[in-house]
């Protein structure tokens, strides 16, 4: 039976910045529109965090029963290591999905935007079928596309919508930046696992592109979002969003590590650094948008 510490590690806390960041950026975009509701922002945060934990446990379960995690370099996988049974991990994923669902329904009831229930359902399906189901899209090299859509566009624009009642181009730019950083986390993760994924038949984007092109892709994904703040500053007519440019100081070190040929365990700190980069960038952007308002 897995210990409490193992369950926490299995939830992969280093990935949680990918859940917090879109809520920060989306709230900043709502502030730029003159409408911030902290209660709704907190509910959006609960939804995002619960979905992130759910997808982590769901991936643990699905990869574990497929045997993909039999030889793993990265953080502990509960099923693959034998620390927890597949059934227990599956139940943990379902509980996390349930928490996200309850918070989501409350948020919809507060806003009256009922079609968001369909968006929430799509999020759950996407989370489960990343590595689950008969044809998991994560095994087909489509993981980054879905991460960009759901942890970038949907998460940021949804957070803005439930607070401001509408979205604009500033919110879209914020969503693009957050989505690119979320993709960078997955790219670094998949770059680390290229040797084992290729053997297991998991055709991630990194496996399809090969290591050299994946490293160049990572550099673009981490460096581009802070640069988008210049366009955001023009749109809002204020220099405050340029605060996000400071995130470049955190983007350069992991880009150098990845570009320098790091592999295997040497890429584990890159995941942490990329998550921190995404969080700091989103926070600075949100602050800049709020000050500009």
Protein backbone atom coordinates (compact mmCIF):
# COMPACT_ATOMS: atom_id res chain seq x y z
CA UNK A 1 0.00 0.00 0.00
CA UNK A 2 1.34 3.41 -0.98
CA UNK A 3 2.30 5.84 1.77
CA UNK A 4 0.86 9.33 2.02
CA UNK A 5 4.14 10.74 0.70
CA UNK A 6 3.97 8.42 -2.31
CA UNK A 7 0.39 9.50 -3.08
CA UNK A 8 1.52 13.13 -2.96
CA UNK A 9 4.46 12.36 -5.26
CA UNK A 10 2.12 10.44 -7.55
CA UNK A 11 -0.01 13.57 -7.87
CA UNK A 12 3.11 15.21 -9.35
CA UNK A 13 3.06 18.53 -7.48
CA UNK A 14 5.71 19.97 -9.83
CA UNK A 15 3.05 20.09 -12.55
CA UNK A 16 0.62 22.17 -10.46
CA UNK A 17 1.96 25.53 -11.69
CA UNK A 18 0.37 24.55 -15.01
CA UNK A 19 -2.99 24.68 -13.20
CA UNK A 20 -2.39 27.87 -11.20
CA UNK A 21 -0.88 29.89 -14.06
CA UNK A 22 -3.95 30.06 -16.33
CA UNK A 23 -6.12 31.22 -13.45
CA UNK A 24 -3.66 34.00 -12.64
CA UNK A 25 -3.39 35.10 -16.26
CA UNK A 26 -7.14 34.85 -16.81
CA UNK A 27 -7.82 36.93 -13.71
CA UNK A 28 -5.34 39.54 -14.92
CA UNK A 29 -7.17 39.67 -18.25
CA UNK A 30 -10.46 40.08 -16.37
CA UNK A 31 -8.93 42.96 -14.42
CA UNK A 32 -8.00 44.60 -17.71
CA UNK A 33 -11.69 44.37 -18.62
CA UNK A 34 -12.61 45.95 -15.29
CA UNK A 35 -14.29 42.89 -13.74
CA UNK A 36 -12.58 40.74 -11.10
CA UNK A 37 -14.51 38.32 -8.87
CA UNK A 38 -12.13 36.65 -6.43
CA UNK A 39 -14.69 34.04 -5.36
CA UNK A 40 -15.14 32.89 -8.96
CA UNK A 41 -11.38 32.98 -9.48
CA UNK A 42 -10.91 30.68 -6.47
CA UNK A 43 -13.50 28.25 -7.82
CA UNK A 44 -11.73 28.29 -11.18
CA UNK A 45 -8.49 27.52 -9.33
CA UNK A 46 -10.09 24.53 -7.60
CA UNK A 47 -11.31 23.24 -10.96
CA UNK A 48 -7.87 23.66 -12.53
CA UNK A 49 -5.95 22.06 -9.66
CA UNK A 50 -8.35 19.14 -9.38
CA UNK A 51 -8.19 18.48 -13.12
CA UNK A 52 -4.39 18.57 -13.05
CA UNK A 53 -4.23 16.06 -10.21
CA UNK A 54 -6.88 13.94 -11.94
CA UNK A 55 -4.99 13.81 -15.21
CA UNK A 56 -1.78 12.92 -13.37
CA UNK A 57 -3.42 10.00 -11.58
CA UNK A 58 -5.26 8.97 -14.75
CA UNK A 59 -1.98 8.92 -16.67
CA UNK A 60 -0.36 6.94 -13.87
CA UNK A 61 -3.16 4.37 -14.08
CA UNK A 62 -3.34 4.12 -17.88
CA UNK A 63 0.43 4.03 -18.47
CA UNK A 64 0.80 1.57 -15.62
CA UNK A 65 -1.70 -0.97 -16.94
CA UNK A 66 -0.22 -0.61 -20.45
CA UNK A 67 3.27 -1.31 -19.11
CA UNK A 68 4.68 2.00 -20.39
CA UNK A 69 6.11 2.85 -16.96
CA UNK A 70 7.97 -0.45 -16.48
CA UNK A 71 11.32 1.31 -16.97
CA UNK A 72 10.90 4.94 -15.95
CA UNK A 73 13.46 7.67 -15.33
CA UNK A 74 11.23 10.40 -13.92
CA UNK A 75 9.16 10.82 -10.75
CA UNK A 76 7.46 7.91 -9.00
CA UNK A 77 4.57 6.26 -10.79
CA UNK A 78 2.29 4.48 -8.36
CA UNK A 79 1.08 1.68 -10.63
CA UNK A 80 4.29 1.18 -12.56
CA UNK A 81 6.35 0.90 -9.36
CA UNK A 82 3.83 -1.40 -7.67
CA UNK A 83 3.35 1.08 -4.81
CA UNK A 84 -0.42 1.16 -5.37
CA UNK A 85 -2.89 -1.04 -7.21
CA UNK A 86 -4.35 0.11 -10.54
CA UNK A 87 -7.82 0.19 -8.98
CA UNK A 88 -6.74 2.47 -6.16
CA UNK A 89 -5.06 4.93 -8.54
CA UNK A 90 -8.09 4.90 -10.83
CA UNK A 91 -10.35 5.71 -7.86
CA UNK A 92 -8.05 8.57 -6.87
CA UNK A 93 -8.34 9.98 -10.39
CA UNK A 94 -12.14 9.71 -10.28
CA UNK A 95 -12.28 11.49 -6.91
CA UNK A 96 -10.19 14.34 -8.32
CA UNK A 97 -12.46 14.51 -11.37
CA UNK A 98 -15.42 14.65 -8.99
CA UNK A 99 -13.95 17.59 -7.06
CA UNK A 100 -13.37 19.44 -10.34
CA UNK A 101 -16.93 18.66 -11.41
CA UNK A 102 -18.54 19.95 -8.22
CA UNK A 103 -16.50 23.18 -8.30
CA UNK A 104 -17.30 23.58 -11.99
CA UNK A 105 -21.04 23.19 -11.47
CA UNK A 106 -20.94 25.78 -8.68
CA UNK A 107 -19.08 28.16 -10.96
CA UNK A 108 -21.62 27.66 -13.74
CA UNK A 109 -24.49 28.21 -11.32
CA UNK A 110 -22.96 31.50 -10.19
CA UNK A 111 -22.35 32.78 -13.70
CA UNK A 112 -25.35 31.32 -15.51
CA UNK A 113 -23.14 30.36 -18.46
CA UNK A 114 -24.54 26.86 -18.75
CA UNK A 115 -22.76 25.88 -21.94
CA UNK A 116 -19.55 25.81 -19.89
CA UNK A 117 -20.79 22.44 -18.61
CA UNK A 118 -20.04 21.07 -22.09
CA UNK A 119 -16.57 22.60 -21.95
CA UNK A 120 -16.02 20.96 -18.56
CA UNK A 121 -17.13 17.61 -19.91
CA UNK A 122 -14.70 18.01 -22.83
CA UNK A 123 -11.91 18.74 -20.32
CA UNK A 124 -12.63 15.51 -18.45
CA UNK A 125 -12.71 13.46 -21.65
CA UNK A 126 -9.46 15.02 -22.83
CA UNK A 127 -7.81 14.38 -19.47
CA UNK A 128 -8.80 10.71 -19.45
CA UNK A 129 -8.03 9.92 -23.09
CA UNK A 130 -4.55 11.47 -23.01
CA UNK A 131 -3.18 8.04 -22.14
CA UNK A 132 -6.43 6.15 -21.56
CA UNK A 133 -8.93 4.50 -23.86
CA UNK A 134 -8.36 2.47 -27.01
CA UNK A 135 -6.49 5.17 -28.94
CA UNK A 136 -4.89 7.59 -26.44
CA UNK A 137 -3.89 10.77 -28.23
CA UNK A 138 -0.79 11.14 -26.06
CA UNK A 139 0.58 8.06 -27.80
CA UNK A 140 -0.03 9.64 -31.21
CA UNK A 141 2.02 12.81 -30.73
CA UNK A 142 -0.99 15.05 -30.07
CA UNK A 143 -0.41 15.73 -26.37
CA UNK A 144 1.00 19.21 -26.90
CA UNK A 145 -1.97 20.24 -29.04
CA UNK A 146 -4.47 19.29 -26.34
CA UNK A 147 -2.34 20.83 -23.56
CA UNK A 148 -2.22 24.11 -25.49
CA UNK A 149 -5.98 24.06 -26.00
CA UNK A 150 -7.10 23.00 -22.52
CA UNK A 151 -4.34 24.30 -20.22
CA UNK A 152 -3.90 27.44 -22.29
CA UNK A 153 -6.88 28.66 -24.28
CA UNK A 154 -9.71 27.01 -22.36
CA UNK A 155 -8.30 27.56 -18.87
CA UNK A 156 -7.30 31.21 -19.32
CA UNK A 157 -10.27 32.32 -21.40
CA UNK A 158 -12.66 30.38 -19.16
CA UNK A 159 -11.26 32.13 -16.09
CA UNK A 160 -11.68 35.52 -17.78
CA UNK A 161 -15.18 34.70 -19.02
CA UNK A 162 -16.61 33.66 -15.64
CA UNK A 163 -15.39 36.91 -14.10
CA UNK A 164 -15.79 39.52 -16.83
CA UNK A 165 -18.56 37.89 -18.84
CA UNK A 166 -16.55 38.26 -22.04
CA UNK A 167 -13.06 37.86 -23.48
CA UNK A 168 -10.93 40.05 -25.73
CA UNK A 169 -7.67 39.91 -27.68
CA UNK A 170 -5.65 40.66 -24.54
CA UNK A 171 -7.11 37.55 -22.90
CA UNK A 172 -6.35 35.51 -26.03
CA UNK A 173 -2.70 36.63 -25.98
CA UNK A 174 -2.47 35.72 -22.31
CA UNK A 175 -3.94 32.30 -23.10
CA UNK A 176 -1.46 31.72 -25.92
CA UNK A 177 1.48 32.55 -23.66
CA UNK A 178 0.31 30.27 -20.86
CA UNK A 179 -0.47 27.52 -23.34
CA UNK A 180 3.02 27.67 -24.85
CA UNK A 181 4.63 27.36 -21.43
CA UNK A 182 2.34 24.44 -20.53
CA UNK A 183 3.43 22.75 -23.76
CA UNK A 184 7.06 23.36 -22.79
CA UNK A 185 6.56 21.35 -19.60
CA UNK A 186 5.19 18.42 -21.58
CA UNK A 187 7.93 18.71 -24.22
CA UNK A 188 10.63 18.57 -21.54
CA UNK A 189 8.91 15.61 -19.91
CA UNK A 190 8.63 13.72 -23.20
CA UNK A 191 12.19 14.58 -24.23
CA UNK A 192 13.38 12.93 -21.02
CA UNK A 193 11.33 9.81 -21.79
CA UNK A 194 12.21 9.46 -25.51
CA UNK A 195 14.25 6.23 -25.10
CA UNK A 196 11.66 4.41 -22.98
CA UNK A 197 8.64 5.77 -24.85
CA UNK A 198 10.06 4.68 -28.19
CA UNK A 199 10.55 1.13 -26.89
CA UNK A 200 7.04 1.07 -25.37
CA UNK A 201 5.46 2.27 -28.63
CA UNK A 202 4.45 5.64 -27.21
CA UNK A 203 4.85 7.94 -30.23
CA UNK A 204 4.96 11.31 -28.48
CA UNK A 205 5.82 14.45 -30.39
CA UNK A 206 9.36 14.22 -29.01
CA UNK A 207 9.71 10.67 -30.34
CA UNK A 208 8.39 11.74 -33.74
CA UNK A 209 10.55 14.86 -34.02
CA UNK A 210 13.70 13.38 -32.52
CA UNK A 211 15.79 14.96 -29.79
CA UNK A 212 17.52 17.77 -31.77
CA UNK A 213 14.31 19.29 -33.15
CA UNK A 214 12.53 18.78 -29.82
CA UNK A 215 15.24 20.80 -28.10
CA UNK A 216 14.76 23.67 -30.54
CA UNK A 217 11.00 23.49 -30.04
CA UNK A 218 11.47 23.73 -26.28
CA UNK A 219 13.53 26.91 -26.65
CA UNK A 220 10.79 28.56 -28.72
CA UNK A 221 8.09 27.54 -26.26
CA UNK A 222 9.84 29.00 -23.21
CA UNK A 223 11.16 32.19 -24.79
CA UNK A 224 8.13 33.31 -26.84
CA UNK A 225 5.51 34.00 -24.10
CA UNK A 226 7.39 36.82 -22.31
CA UNK A 227 8.00 38.47 -25.68
CA UNK A 228 4.24 38.52 -26.33
CA UNK A 229 3.94 41.02 -23.49
CA UNK A 230 5.17 43.72 -25.87
CA UNK A 231 2.10 43.21 -28.06
CA UNK A 232 -0.10 43.09 -24.95
CA UNK A 233 1.34 46.42 -23.81
CA UNK A 234 0.44 47.97 -27.17
CA UNK A 235 -3.12 46.66 -26.96
CA UNK A 236 -3.79 48.03 -23.48
CA UNK A 237 -1.87 51.24 -24.07
CA UNK A 238 0.32 50.80 -21.02
CA UNK A 239 3.88 49.68 -20.28
CA UNK A 240 2.85 47.68 -17.20
CA UNK A 241 2.41 44.34 -19.04
CA UNK A 242 6.10 44.57 -19.94
CA UNK A 243 6.74 43.34 -16.40
CA UNK A 244 6.34 39.87 -17.89
CA UNK A 245 9.59 40.38 -19.82
CA UNK A 246 11.39 39.78 -16.53
CA UNK A 247 10.40 36.10 -16.86
CA UNK A 248 13.04 35.78 -19.59
CA UNK A 249 15.60 35.58 -16.78
CA UNK A 250 14.01 32.30 -15.76
CA UNK A 251 13.55 31.06 -19.34
CA UNK A 252 17.16 31.23 -20.45
CA UNK A 253 18.76 28.76 -17.94
CA UNK A 254 16.48 25.76 -18.71
CA UNK A 255 16.66 26.57 -22.44
CA UNK A 256 20.45 26.34 -22.19
CA UNK A 257 20.28 23.04 -20.31
CA UNK A 258 17.95 21.50 -22.86
CA UNK A 259 19.86 22.99 -25.81
CA UNK A 260 23.12 21.72 -24.32
CA UNK A 261 22.05 18.12 -24.75
CA UNK A 262 20.86 17.18 -21.26
CA UNK A 263 19.04 13.85 -21.18
CA UNK A 264 17.46 11.40 -18.75
CA UNK A 265 17.59 12.45 -15.11
CA UNK A 266 19.42 15.65 -16.02
CA UNK A 267 16.11 16.90 -17.44
CA UNK A 268 14.15 16.39 -14.21
CA UNK A 269 15.16 19.83 -12.82
CA UNK A 270 14.10 21.36 -16.15
CA UNK A 271 10.51 20.31 -15.43
CA UNK A 272 10.63 22.15 -12.11
CA UNK A 273 12.24 25.21 -13.68
CA UNK A 274 9.74 25.32 -16.55
CA UNK A 275 6.82 25.10 -14.15
CA UNK A 276 8.29 27.93 -12.09
CA UNK A 277 8.81 29.96 -15.27
CA UNK A 278 5.18 29.53 -16.29
CA UNK A 279 3.96 30.54 -12.85
CA UNK A 280 6.18 33.64 -12.59
CA UNK A 281 5.35 34.74 -16.13
CA UNK A 282 1.61 34.40 -15.49
CA UNK A 283 1.86 36.24 -12.17
CA UNK A 284 3.86 39.13 -13.67
CA UNK A 285 1.50 39.37 -16.62
CA UNK A 286 -1.53 39.38 -14.31
CA UNK A 287 0.06 42.08 -12.17
CA UNK A 288 0.90 44.16 -15.21
CA UNK A 289 -2.63 43.89 -16.58
CA UNK A 290 -4.14 44.78 -13.22
CA UNK A 291 -1.89 47.83 -12.89
CA UNK A 292 -2.67 48.87 -16.45
CA UNK A 293 -6.39 48.75 -15.65
